[in-house]
Amino acid sequence: MTPGSDPAADPGGAPAFREVLSGVGESVLGANAHGNVLLERSVDELRVPGSLSYNPVFQIWFVLDNAPVHGPQLDDLAVRPLRVESAALRHDLLLTVREFTGAMVATLEYGNDLFDRETILRPAEELEVALSQAGSSPDAPLTRFHERIDAERARRRSAEPRDMDLEMKKRLEAGRRKAVRP
């Protein structure tokens, strides 16, 4: 294909998702080359003030656990991971993505002293839209991702506040029920 003939190309020159992902991969590989440097040593060298109540360097974590976990094969019994609520959160925000029986499952944990459920739901839904776009069109420019996210935001804003409040209330109630189930 000749340059400029790609219908998905962005005339403004925004990179494609696949391009950005490749750059991130190179950065991660470079960081892994220094994996033998202990975090504690780095913190000491940087002279970061410490506290037992929070991590001194970063408060937001992203964990990709891509070691596939396959549930045991049992006749007439469905097995799935059990979500365990942790009383102690060591970080302000933790997004964990794990592979389980061929699907990626994401868990988002947050400090409820900083965030409420509504504030966390919005970016989580936008991440879902962006990942959907990445899966369906990895060579689309990032501006297309922003367009889809903006369209989703506009759709939510155009909904009647009463309907949005009712929808949010249903989600919160469903979340409470899930947290209480044995």
C-alpha atoms as a PDB file:
ATOM      1  CA  MET A   1       0.000   0.000   0.000  1.00  0.00           C
ATOM      2  CA  THR A   2       1.379   3.393  -0.877  1.00  0.00           C
ATOM      3  CA  PRO A   3       1.751   6.083   1.782  1.00  0.00           C
ATOM      4  CA  GLY A   4      -1.385   8.109   2.186  1.00  0.00           C
ATOM      5  CA  SER A   5      -3.618   5.463   0.596  1.00  0.00           C
ATOM      6  CA  ASP A   6      -4.679   3.883   3.881  1.00  0.00           C
ATOM      7  CA  PRO A   7      -8.314   4.856   4.505  1.00  0.00           C
ATOM      8  CA  ALA A   8      -7.771   4.532   8.263  1.00  0.00           C
ATOM      9  CA  ALA A   9      -4.774   6.887   8.236  1.00  0.00           C
ATOM     10  CA  ASP A  10      -5.038  10.121  10.150  1.00  0.00           C
ATOM     11  CA  PRO A  11      -4.318  13.204   8.046  1.00  0.00           C
ATOM     12  CA  GLY A  12      -2.924  14.882  11.173  1.00  0.00           C
ATOM     13  CA  GLY A  13      -0.262  12.198  11.480  1.00  0.00           C
ATOM     14  CA  ALA A  14      -1.437  10.600  14.737  1.00  0.00           C
ATOM     15  CA  PRO A  15       0.235   7.242  15.246  1.00  0.00           C
ATOM     16  CA  ALA A  16      -1.719   4.018  15.012  1.00  0.00           C
ATOM     17  CA  PHE A  17      -2.420   1.989  18.143  1.00  0.00           C
ATOM     18  CA  ARG A  18      -0.170  -0.819  16.905  1.00  0.00           C
ATOM     19  CA  GLU A  19       2.715   1.707  16.520  1.00  0.00           C
ATOM     20  CA  VAL A  20       2.273   3.033  20.038  1.00  0.00           C
ATOM     21  CA  LEU A  21       2.013  -0.488  21.433  1.00  0.00           C
ATOM     22  CA  SER A  22       5.264  -1.428  19.714  1.00  0.00           C
ATOM     23  CA  GLY A  23       6.998   1.566  21.307  1.00  0.00           C
ATOM     24  CA  VAL A  24       5.645   0.607  24.723  1.00  0.00           C
ATOM     25  CA  GLY A  25       6.915  -2.926  24.189  1.00  0.00           C
ATOM     26  CA  GLU A  26      10.397  -1.628  23.429  1.00  0.00           C
ATOM     27  CA  SER A  27      10.323   0.534  26.578  1.00  0.00           C
ATOM     28  CA  VAL A  28       9.260  -2.421  28.709  1.00  0.00           C
ATOM     29  CA  LEU A  29      12.022  -4.596  27.281  1.00  0.00           C
ATOM     30  CA  GLY A  30      14.515  -1.819  28.037  1.00  0.00           C
ATOM     31  CA  ALA A  31      13.227  -1.550  31.601  1.00  0.00           C
ATOM     32  CA  ASN A  32      13.447  -5.319  32.033  1.00  0.00           C
ATOM     33  CA  ALA A  33      17.136  -5.113  31.135  1.00  0.00           C
ATOM     34  CA  HIS A  34      17.535  -3.240  34.442  1.00  0.00           C
ATOM     35  CA  GLY A  35      15.314  -5.642  36.390  1.00  0.00           C
ATOM     36  CA  ASN A  36      18.174  -6.640  38.668  1.00  0.00           C
ATOM     37  CA  VAL A  37      18.170  -3.183  40.306  1.00  0.00           C
ATOM     38  CA  LEU A  38      16.121  -3.500  43.457  1.00  0.00           C
ATOM     39  CA  LEU A  39      13.289  -1.033  44.006  1.00  0.00           C
ATOM     40  CA  GLU A  40      14.475  -0.416  47.560  1.00  0.00           C
ATOM     41  CA  ARG A  41      17.910   0.588  46.254  1.00  0.00           C
ATOM     42  CA  SER A  42      16.333   2.991  43.743  1.00  0.00           C
ATOM     43  CA  VAL A  43      14.183   4.552  46.483  1.00  0.00           C
ATOM     44  CA  ASP A  44      17.263   4.955  48.682  1.00  0.00           C
ATOM     45  CA  GLU A  45      19.266   6.525  45.840  1.00  0.00           C
ATOM     46  CA  LEU A  46      16.430   8.932  45.008  1.00  0.00           C
ATOM     47  CA  ARG A  47      16.049   9.783  48.714  1.00  0.00           C
ATOM     48  CA  VAL A  48      12.276   9.523  48.486  1.00  0.00           C
ATOM     49  CA  PRO A  49      10.647  10.167  51.869  1.00  0.00           C
ATOM     50  CA  GLY A  50       8.988   6.972  53.051  1.00  0.00           C
ATOM     51  CA  SER A  51       5.810   6.215  54.913  1.00  0.00           C
ATOM     52  CA  LEU A  52       4.209   2.969  56.001  1.00  0.00           C
ATOM     53  CA  SER A  53       0.811   4.283  54.882  1.00  0.00           C
ATOM     54  CA  TYR A  54       1.601   4.517  51.147  1.00  0.00           C
ATOM     55  CA  ASN A  55       4.096   3.437  48.516  1.00  0.00           C
ATOM     56  CA  PRO A  56       6.821   6.108  48.277  1.00  0.00           C
ATOM     57  CA  VAL A  57       7.324   5.983  44.489  1.00  0.00           C
ATOM     58  CA  PHE A  58       4.001   5.240  42.826  1.00  0.00           C
ATOM     59  CA  GLN A  59       0.394   4.892  43.877  1.00  0.00           C
ATOM     60  CA  ILE A  60      -1.056   3.559  40.617  1.00  0.00           C
ATOM     61  CA  TRP A  61      -0.338   0.023  39.458  1.00  0.00           C
ATOM     62  CA  PHE A  62      -1.107  -1.900  36.297  1.00  0.00           C
ATOM     63  CA  VAL A  63      -0.549  -5.647  36.518  1.00  0.00           C
ATOM     64  CA  LEU A  64      -0.731  -7.915  33.488  1.00  0.00           C
ATOM     65  CA  ASP A  65      -0.775 -11.525  34.610  1.00  0.00           C
ATOM     66  CA  ASN A  66      -0.685 -13.350  31.305  1.00  0.00           C
ATOM     67  CA  ALA A  67       0.175 -16.779  32.643  1.00  0.00           C
ATOM     68  CA  PRO A  68      -2.963 -18.669  31.612  1.00  0.00           C
ATOM     69  CA  VAL A  69      -4.962 -20.142  34.452  1.00  0.00           C
ATOM     70  CA  HIS A  70      -7.186 -23.008  33.525  1.00  0.00           C
ATOM     71  CA  GLY A  71      -9.823 -24.157  35.936  1.00  0.00           C
ATOM     72  CA  PRO A  72      -9.939 -27.821  36.794  1.00  0.00           C
ATOM     73  CA  GLN A  73     -12.016 -30.010  34.501  1.00  0.00           C
ATOM     74  CA  LEU A  74     -14.832 -31.430  36.605  1.00  0.00           C
ATOM     75  CA  ASP A  75     -17.906 -33.221  35.297  1.00  0.00           C
ATOM     76  CA  ASP A  76     -21.098 -31.188  35.608  1.00  0.00           C
ATOM     77  CA  LEU A  77     -19.404 -28.477  37.652  1.00  0.00           C
ATOM     78  CA  ALA A  78     -18.515 -24.987  36.501  1.00  0.00           C
ATOM     79  CA  VAL A  79     -15.344 -23.579  38.041  1.00  0.00           C
ATOM     80  CA  ARG A  80     -14.448 -19.889  37.968  1.00  0.00           C
ATOM     81  CA  PRO A  81     -12.122 -17.642  39.938  1.00  0.00           C
ATOM     82  CA  LEU A  82     -13.345 -16.453  43.297  1.00  0.00           C
ATOM     83  CA  ARG A  83     -13.097 -12.737  43.885  1.00  0.00           C
ATOM     84  CA  VAL A  84     -11.705 -12.026  47.319  1.00  0.00           C
ATOM     85  CA  GLU A  85     -12.212  -8.613  48.853  1.00  0.00           C
ATOM     86  CA  SER A  86      -9.083  -7.251  50.460  1.00  0.00           C
ATOM     87  CA  ALA A  87      -9.442  -4.931  53.411  1.00  0.00           C
ATOM     88  CA  ALA A  88      -6.019  -3.380  52.858  1.00  0.00           C
ATOM     89  CA  LEU A  89      -5.171  -1.608  49.614  1.00  0.00           C
ATOM     90  CA  ARG A  90      -1.503  -0.724  49.282  1.00  0.00           C
ATOM     91  CA  HIS A  91      -2.066   1.626  46.330  1.00  0.00           C
ATOM     92  CA  ASP A  92      -4.543   4.316  45.334  1.00  0.00           C
ATOM     93  CA  LEU A  93      -5.475   2.505  42.128  1.00  0.00           C
ATOM     94  CA  LEU A  94      -4.735  -1.027  40.913  1.00  0.00           C
ATOM     95  CA  LEU A  95      -5.789  -2.443  37.542  1.00  0.00           C
ATOM     96  CA  THR A  96      -5.080  -6.154  37.204  1.00  0.00           C
ATOM     97  CA  VAL A  97      -5.662  -8.015  33.948  1.00  0.00           C
ATOM     98  CA  ARG A  98      -5.471 -11.815  34.005  1.00  0.00           C
ATOM     99  CA  GLU A  99      -6.031 -14.515  31.443  1.00  0.00           C
ATOM    100  CA  PHE A 100      -8.542 -17.133  32.536  1.00  0.00           C
ATOM    101  CA  THR A 101      -9.789 -19.933  30.295  1.00  0.00           C
ATOM    102  CA  GLY A 102      -9.044 -18.019  27.111  1.00  0.00           C
ATOM    103  CA  ALA A 103     -10.523 -14.681  28.192  1.00  0.00           C
ATOM    104  CA  MET A 104      -8.945 -11.600  29.713  1.00  0.00           C
ATOM    105  CA  VAL A 105     -10.516 -10.602  33.030  1.00  0.00           C
ATOM    106  CA  ALA A 106      -9.872  -7.154  34.508  1.00  0.00           C
ATOM    107  CA  THR A 107     -10.172  -6.172  38.145  1.00  0.00           C
ATOM    108  CA  LEU A 108     -10.033  -2.583  39.298  1.00  0.00           C
ATOM    109  CA  GLU A 109      -9.298  -1.827  42.945  1.00  0.00           C
ATOM    110  CA  TYR A 110      -9.314   1.689  44.310  1.00  0.00           C
ATOM    111  CA  GLY A 111      -9.030   3.582  47.545  1.00  0.00           C
ATOM    112  CA  ASN A 112     -12.546   4.675  48.438  1.00  0.00           C
ATOM    113  CA  ASP A 113     -11.114   7.528  50.475  1.00  0.00           C
ATOM    114  CA  LEU A 114     -10.017   9.086  47.124  1.00  0.00           C
ATOM    115  CA  PHE A 115     -12.564   7.768  44.627  1.00  0.00           C
ATOM    116  CA  ASP A 116     -16.213   6.886  44.622  1.00  0.00           C
ATOM    117  CA  ARG A 117     -17.771   4.213  42.451  1.00  0.00           C
ATOM    118  CA  GLU A 118     -19.131   6.718  39.874  1.00  0.00           C
ATOM    119  CA  THR A 119     -15.716   8.316  39.384  1.00  0.00           C
ATOM    120  CA  ILE A 120     -14.115   4.918  38.767  1.00  0.00           C
ATOM    121  CA  LEU A 121     -16.874   3.592  36.469  1.00  0.00           C
ATOM    122  CA  ARG A 122     -16.421   6.346  33.878  1.00  0.00           C
ATOM    123  CA  PRO A 123     -12.742   5.718  33.031  1.00  0.00           C
ATOM    124  CA  ALA A 124     -13.298   1.962  33.304  1.00  0.00           C
ATOM    125  CA  GLU A 125     -16.029   2.183  30.666  1.00  0.00           C
ATOM    126  CA  GLU A 126     -13.805   4.390  28.495  1.00  0.00           C
ATOM    127  CA  LEU A 127     -11.002   1.836  28.796  1.00  0.00           C
ATOM    128  CA  GLU A 128     -13.444  -0.821  27.641  1.00  0.00           C
ATOM    129  CA  VAL A 129     -14.332   1.300  24.576  1.00  0.00           C
ATOM    130  CA  ALA A 130     -10.633   1.890  23.799  1.00  0.00           C
ATOM    131  CA  LEU A 131      -9.755  -1.808  24.140  1.00  0.00           C
ATOM    132  CA  SER A 132     -12.674  -2.736  21.917  1.00  0.00           C
ATOM    133  CA  GLN A 133     -11.386  -0.276  19.301  1.00  0.00           C
ATOM    134  CA  ALA A 134      -7.836  -1.649  19.662  1.00  0.00           C
ATOM    135  CA  GLY A 135      -9.050  -5.202  19.137  1.00  0.00           C
ATOM    136  CA  SER A 136     -11.174  -4.396  16.116  1.00  0.00           C
ATOM    137  CA  SER A 137      -8.895  -1.809  14.453  1.00  0.00           C
ATOM    138  CA  PRO A 138      -5.303  -1.985  15.747  1.00  0.00           C
ATOM    139  CA  ASP A 139      -4.002   0.025  12.786  1.00  0.00           C
ATOM    140  CA  ALA A 140      -6.445   2.906  13.298  1.00  0.00           C
ATOM    141  CA  PRO A 141      -4.876   6.188  14.407  1.00  0.00           C
ATOM    142  CA  LEU A 142      -5.272   7.102  18.063  1.00  0.00           C
ATOM    143  CA  THR A 143      -7.539   9.992  17.083  1.00  0.00           C
ATOM    144  CA  ARG A 144     -10.175   7.370  16.203  1.00  0.00           C
ATOM    145  CA  PHE A 145      -9.956   6.043  19.751  1.00  0.00           C
ATOM    146  CA  HIS A 146     -10.549   9.542  21.100  1.00  0.00           C
ATOM    147  CA  GLU A 147     -13.488   9.988  18.722  1.00  0.00           C
ATOM    148  CA  ARG A 148     -15.143   6.783  19.970  1.00  0.00           C
ATOM    149  CA  ILE A 149     -14.555   7.706  23.602  1.00  0.00           C
ATOM    150  CA  ASP A 150     -15.889  11.236  23.002  1.00  0.00           C
ATOM    151  CA  ALA A 151     -18.952   9.760  21.277  1.00  0.00           C
ATOM    152  CA  GLU A 152     -19.545   7.485  24.267  1.00  0.00           C
ATOM    153  CA  ARG A 153     -19.220  10.445  26.660  1.00  0.00           C
ATOM    154  CA  ALA A 154     -21.681  12.461  24.551  1.00  0.00           C
ATOM    155  CA  ARG A 155     -24.110   9.533  24.519  1.00  0.00           C
ATOM    156  CA  ARG A 156     -23.984   9.338  28.307  1.00  0.00           C
ATOM    157  CA  ARG A 157     -24.405  13.118  28.673  1.00  0.00           C
ATOM    158  CA  SER A 158     -27.390  13.176  26.327  1.00  0.00           C
ATOM    159  CA  ALA A 159     -29.217  10.581  28.401  1.00  0.00           C
ATOM    160  CA  GLU A 160     -31.784  12.075  30.686  1.00  0.00           C
ATOM    161  CA  PRO A 161     -30.288  12.639  34.146  1.00  0.00           C
ATOM    162  CA  ARG A 162     -33.140  10.686  35.638  1.00  0.00           C
ATOM    163  CA  ASP A 163     -32.329   7.668  33.451  1.00  0.00           C
ATOM    164  CA  MET A 164     -28.607   7.968  34.243  1.00  0.00           C
ATOM    165  CA  ASP A 165     -29.324   8.175  37.960  1.00  0.00           C
ATOM    166  CA  LEU A 166     -31.550   5.104  37.740  1.00  0.00           C
ATOM    167  CA  GLU A 167     -28.920   3.193  35.737  1.00  0.00           C
ATOM    168  CA  MET A 168     -26.180   4.171  38.202  1.00  0.00           C
ATOM    169  CA  LYS A 169     -28.372   3.181  41.137  1.00  0.00           C
ATOM    170  CA  LYS A 170     -28.944  -0.246  39.549  1.00  0.00           C
ATOM    171  CA  ARG A 171     -25.191  -0.706  39.042  1.00  0.00           C
ATOM    172  CA  LEU A 172     -24.443   0.299  42.615  1.00  0.00           C
ATOM    173  CA  GLU A 173     -27.090  -2.068  43.963  1.00  0.00           C
ATOM    174  CA  ALA A 174     -25.732  -4.896  41.780  1.00  0.00           C
ATOM    175  CA  GLY A 175     -22.238  -4.120  43.090  1.00  0.00           C
ATOM    176  CA  ARG A 176     -23.449  -4.272  46.690  1.00  0.00           C
ATOM    177  CA  ARG A 177     -25.158  -7.595  46.088  1.00  0.00           C
ATOM    178  CA  LYS A 178     -22.016  -9.047  44.548  1.00  0.00           C
ATOM    179  CA  ALA A 179     -19.904  -7.908  47.465  1.00  0.00           C
ATOM    180  CA  VAL A 180     -22.276  -9.488  50.001  1.00  0.00           C
ATOM    181  CA  ARG A 181     -22.726 -12.867  48.321  1.00  0.00           C
ATOM    182  CA  PRO A 182     -20.915 -15.748  50.007  1.00  0.00           C
END
